[in-house]
């Protein structure tokens, strides 16, 4: 089993309002989102496969904040960047924060001091570059 940190690049082609578990209802503008998470629990990076199943409509249960964005909107996962065997979730999220905006404070960050682990931009290229750079450092 491989564990580590991952960032999912999500395309949301149209704005959506979503109830995000305990965070309540939030408006997500159309654009690109980077969600950074860790996969150190049982199954490791199988967690990413689970997120993909939710995005595809093949799974209904929502366990993490990102599951609501992926399962309750017309979003598409465009790419996933992984860093195996390193716990750099907050460092990656902080680096991506330089490029992306916060739409939902606390999203994916209920167990740390970060403002958010979900970042938004209208343009894909700068966000994808920030994701790749953050994982390479």
C-alpha atoms as a PDB file:
ATOM      1  CA  UNK A   1       0.000   0.000   0.000  1.00  0.00           C
ATOM      2  CA  UNK A   2       1.364   3.395  -1.034  1.00  0.00           C
ATOM      3  CA  UNK A   3       0.569   6.418   1.118  1.00  0.00           C
ATOM      4  CA  UNK A   4       1.284  10.124   0.750  1.00  0.00           C
ATOM      5  CA  UNK A   5      -0.122  13.525  -0.189  1.00  0.00           C
ATOM      6  CA  UNK A   6      -2.242  14.282  -3.236  1.00  0.00           C
ATOM      7  CA  UNK A   7      -3.832  17.222  -5.005  1.00  0.00           C
ATOM      8  CA  UNK A   8      -6.849  16.807  -7.258  1.00  0.00           C
ATOM      9  CA  UNK A   9      -7.406  19.379 -10.024  1.00  0.00           C
ATOM     10  CA  UNK A  10     -11.155  19.736 -10.566  1.00  0.00           C
ATOM     11  CA  UNK A  11     -12.959  21.539 -13.385  1.00  0.00           C
ATOM     12  CA  UNK A  12     -16.362  22.924 -12.435  1.00  0.00           C
ATOM     13  CA  UNK A  13     -17.876  24.053 -15.762  1.00  0.00           C
ATOM     14  CA  UNK A  14     -20.810  25.909 -14.212  1.00  0.00           C
ATOM     15  CA  UNK A  15     -21.407  27.565 -10.845  1.00  0.00           C
ATOM     16  CA  UNK A  16     -23.085  25.434  -8.193  1.00  0.00           C
ATOM     17  CA  UNK A  17     -24.406  25.773  -4.675  1.00  0.00           C
ATOM     18  CA  UNK A  18     -23.527  22.793  -2.514  1.00  0.00           C
ATOM     19  CA  UNK A  19     -24.169  21.779   1.084  1.00  0.00           C
ATOM     20  CA  UNK A  20     -20.716  20.750   2.321  1.00  0.00           C
ATOM     21  CA  UNK A  21     -21.408  18.671   5.410  1.00  0.00           C
ATOM     22  CA  UNK A  22     -20.910  20.609   8.652  1.00  0.00           C
ATOM     23  CA  UNK A  23     -19.521  23.600   6.698  1.00  0.00           C
ATOM     24  CA  UNK A  24     -23.036  24.293   5.396  1.00  0.00           C
ATOM     25  CA  UNK A  25     -24.162  25.577   2.011  1.00  0.00           C
ATOM     26  CA  UNK A  26     -21.636  27.390  -0.195  1.00  0.00           C
ATOM     27  CA  UNK A  27     -21.595  28.846  -3.700  1.00  0.00           C
ATOM     28  CA  UNK A  28     -18.823  27.522  -5.956  1.00  0.00           C
ATOM     29  CA  UNK A  29     -18.123  29.680  -9.024  1.00  0.00           C
ATOM     30  CA  UNK A  30     -17.309  27.999 -12.329  1.00  0.00           C
ATOM     31  CA  UNK A  31     -13.587  27.419 -12.795  1.00  0.00           C
ATOM     32  CA  UNK A  32     -10.795  25.224 -11.508  1.00  0.00           C
ATOM     33  CA  UNK A  33     -10.268  23.915  -7.998  1.00  0.00           C
ATOM     34  CA  UNK A  34      -7.254  22.307  -6.360  1.00  0.00           C
ATOM     35  CA  UNK A  35      -8.037  20.079  -3.399  1.00  0.00           C
ATOM     36  CA  UNK A  36      -5.073  18.838  -1.359  1.00  0.00           C
ATOM     37  CA  UNK A  37      -5.434  15.853   0.935  1.00  0.00           C
ATOM     38  CA  UNK A  38      -3.454  13.153   2.644  1.00  0.00           C
ATOM     39  CA  UNK A  39      -3.707   9.402   2.180  1.00  0.00           C
ATOM     40  CA  UNK A  40      -2.048   7.915   5.238  1.00  0.00           C
ATOM     41  CA  UNK A  41      -5.014   5.948   6.528  1.00  0.00           C
ATOM     42  CA  UNK A  42      -6.104   2.452   5.574  1.00  0.00           C
ATOM     43  CA  UNK A  43      -5.849   1.998   1.830  1.00  0.00           C
ATOM     44  CA  UNK A  44      -3.412   4.860   1.214  1.00  0.00           C
ATOM     45  CA  UNK A  45      -3.880   6.353  -2.259  1.00  0.00           C
ATOM     46  CA  UNK A  46      -6.992   4.186  -2.728  1.00  0.00           C
ATOM     47  CA  UNK A  47      -8.681   7.255  -1.202  1.00  0.00           C
ATOM     48  CA  UNK A  48      -8.068   9.050  -4.510  1.00  0.00           C
ATOM     49  CA  UNK A  49      -9.790   6.190  -6.368  1.00  0.00           C
ATOM     50  CA  UNK A  50     -12.744   6.632  -4.028  1.00  0.00           C
ATOM     51  CA  UNK A  51     -12.919  10.360  -4.857  1.00  0.00           C
ATOM     52  CA  UNK A  52     -12.921   9.430  -8.554  1.00  0.00           C
ATOM     53  CA  UNK A  53     -15.777   6.981  -8.011  1.00  0.00           C
ATOM     54  CA  UNK A  54     -17.824   9.717  -6.341  1.00  0.00           C
ATOM     55  CA  UNK A  55     -17.089  12.112  -9.219  1.00  0.00           C
ATOM     56  CA  UNK A  56     -18.184   9.429 -11.707  1.00  0.00           C
ATOM     57  CA  UNK A  57     -21.415   8.784  -9.807  1.00  0.00           C
ATOM     58  CA  UNK A  58     -20.370   5.250  -8.870  1.00  0.00           C
ATOM     59  CA  UNK A  59     -20.417   5.869  -5.101  1.00  0.00           C
ATOM     60  CA  UNK A  60     -22.862   7.798  -2.929  1.00  0.00           C
ATOM     61  CA  UNK A  61     -21.354   8.048   0.573  1.00  0.00           C
ATOM     62  CA  UNK A  62     -19.779  11.424   1.379  1.00  0.00           C
ATOM     63  CA  UNK A  63     -16.963  11.204   3.947  1.00  0.00           C
ATOM     64  CA  UNK A  64     -14.735  14.187   3.169  1.00  0.00           C
ATOM     65  CA  UNK A  65     -15.526  17.790   2.194  1.00  0.00           C
ATOM     66  CA  UNK A  66     -14.286  17.234  -1.361  1.00  0.00           C
ATOM     67  CA  UNK A  67     -16.818  14.429  -1.824  1.00  0.00           C
ATOM     68  CA  UNK A  68     -19.624  17.011  -1.799  1.00  0.00           C
ATOM     69  CA  UNK A  69     -17.967  19.094  -4.525  1.00  0.00           C
ATOM     70  CA  UNK A  70     -17.232  16.009  -6.633  1.00  0.00           C
ATOM     71  CA  UNK A  71     -20.538  14.242  -6.125  1.00  0.00           C
ATOM     72  CA  UNK A  72     -23.073  17.051  -6.024  1.00  0.00           C
ATOM     73  CA  UNK A  73     -21.942  19.183  -8.994  1.00  0.00           C
ATOM     74  CA  UNK A  74     -21.132  18.650 -12.693  1.00  0.00           C
ATOM     75  CA  UNK A  75     -17.419  18.716 -11.801  1.00  0.00           C
ATOM     76  CA  UNK A  76     -14.730  16.635 -13.505  1.00  0.00           C
ATOM     77  CA  UNK A  77     -11.397  15.510 -12.130  1.00  0.00           C
ATOM     78  CA  UNK A  78      -8.805  16.645 -14.672  1.00  0.00           C
ATOM     79  CA  UNK A  79      -5.645  15.353 -13.022  1.00  0.00           C
ATOM     80  CA  UNK A  80      -4.181  14.116  -9.762  1.00  0.00           C
ATOM     81  CA  UNK A  81      -0.660  14.913  -8.559  1.00  0.00           C
ATOM     82  CA  UNK A  82       0.752  12.624  -5.863  1.00  0.00           C
ATOM     83  CA  UNK A  83       3.785  12.706  -3.601  1.00  0.00           C
ATOM     84  CA  UNK A  84       4.366   9.226  -2.241  1.00  0.00           C
ATOM     85  CA  UNK A  85       5.348   8.531   1.351  1.00  0.00           C
ATOM     86  CA  UNK A  86       5.605  12.200   2.422  1.00  0.00           C
ATOM     87  CA  UNK A  87       3.230  14.143   4.652  1.00  0.00           C
ATOM     88  CA  UNK A  88       3.298  17.566   2.968  1.00  0.00           C
ATOM     89  CA  UNK A  89      -0.440  18.288   2.830  1.00  0.00           C
ATOM     90  CA  UNK A  90      -0.330  21.668   4.609  1.00  0.00           C
ATOM     91  CA  UNK A  91       2.864  22.777   2.871  1.00  0.00           C
ATOM     92  CA  UNK A  92       1.344  22.012  -0.544  1.00  0.00           C
ATOM     93  CA  UNK A  93      -1.927  23.774   0.355  1.00  0.00           C
ATOM     94  CA  UNK A  94       0.018  26.835   1.546  1.00  0.00           C
ATOM     95  CA  UNK A  95       2.023  26.934  -1.693  1.00  0.00           C
ATOM     96  CA  UNK A  96      -1.100  26.685  -3.850  1.00  0.00           C
ATOM     97  CA  UNK A  97      -2.621  29.507  -1.787  1.00  0.00           C
ATOM     98  CA  UNK A  98      -0.203  31.857  -3.590  1.00  0.00           C
ATOM     99  CA  UNK A  99      -2.180  31.312  -6.825  1.00  0.00           C
ATOM    100  CA  UNK A 100      -5.678  30.288  -5.789  1.00  0.00           C
ATOM    101  CA  UNK A 101      -8.481  31.963  -3.894  1.00  0.00           C
ATOM    102  CA  UNK A 102     -10.319  30.609  -0.866  1.00  0.00           C
ATOM    103  CA  UNK A 103     -13.979  29.912  -1.593  1.00  0.00           C
ATOM    104  CA  UNK A 104     -14.827  27.922   1.550  1.00  0.00           C
ATOM    105  CA  UNK A 105     -12.759  28.583   4.684  1.00  0.00           C
ATOM    106  CA  UNK A 106     -11.966  25.364   6.534  1.00  0.00           C
ATOM    107  CA  UNK A 107     -12.596  23.129   3.499  1.00  0.00           C
ATOM    108  CA  UNK A 108     -10.506  19.988   4.005  1.00  0.00           C
ATOM    109  CA  UNK A 109      -8.636  21.675   6.849  1.00  0.00           C
ATOM    110  CA  UNK A 110     -10.647  20.709   9.903  1.00  0.00           C
ATOM    111  CA  UNK A 111      -7.672  18.887  11.429  1.00  0.00           C
ATOM    112  CA  UNK A 112      -4.996  21.577  10.956  1.00  0.00           C
ATOM    113  CA  UNK A 113      -4.340  25.318  11.189  1.00  0.00           C
ATOM    114  CA  UNK A 114      -4.622  26.036   7.439  1.00  0.00           C
ATOM    115  CA  UNK A 115      -7.323  28.389   6.171  1.00  0.00           C
ATOM    116  CA  UNK A 116      -8.329  25.872   3.505  1.00  0.00           C
ATOM    117  CA  UNK A 117      -7.144  22.934   1.427  1.00  0.00           C
ATOM    118  CA  UNK A 118      -9.344  23.932  -1.529  1.00  0.00           C
ATOM    119  CA  UNK A 119      -8.185  26.691  -3.872  1.00  0.00           C
ATOM    120  CA  UNK A 120     -10.009  28.256  -6.803  1.00  0.00           C
ATOM    121  CA  UNK A 121      -8.989  30.061 -10.001  1.00  0.00           C
ATOM    122  CA  UNK A 122     -10.662  30.824 -13.297  1.00  0.00           C
ATOM    123  CA  UNK A 123      -7.615  29.750 -15.309  1.00  0.00           C
ATOM    124  CA  UNK A 124      -6.275  26.217 -15.284  1.00  0.00           C
ATOM    125  CA  UNK A 125      -2.622  26.737 -16.283  1.00  0.00           C
ATOM    126  CA  UNK A 126      -1.410  28.795 -13.284  1.00  0.00           C
ATOM    127  CA  UNK A 127      -3.183  26.508 -10.833  1.00  0.00           C
ATOM    128  CA  UNK A 128      -1.780  23.346 -12.400  1.00  0.00           C
ATOM    129  CA  UNK A 129       1.723  24.858 -12.411  1.00  0.00           C
ATOM    130  CA  UNK A 130       1.375  25.768  -8.726  1.00  0.00           C
ATOM    131  CA  UNK A 131       0.203  22.235  -7.885  1.00  0.00           C
ATOM    132  CA  UNK A 132       3.117  20.607  -9.686  1.00  0.00           C
ATOM    133  CA  UNK A 133       5.642  23.026  -8.205  1.00  0.00           C
ATOM    134  CA  UNK A 134       4.315  22.519  -4.675  1.00  0.00           C
ATOM    135  CA  UNK A 135       4.622  18.740  -4.965  1.00  0.00           C
ATOM    136  CA  UNK A 136       8.137  18.934  -6.397  1.00  0.00           C
ATOM    137  CA  UNK A 137       9.574  21.048  -3.567  1.00  0.00           C
END
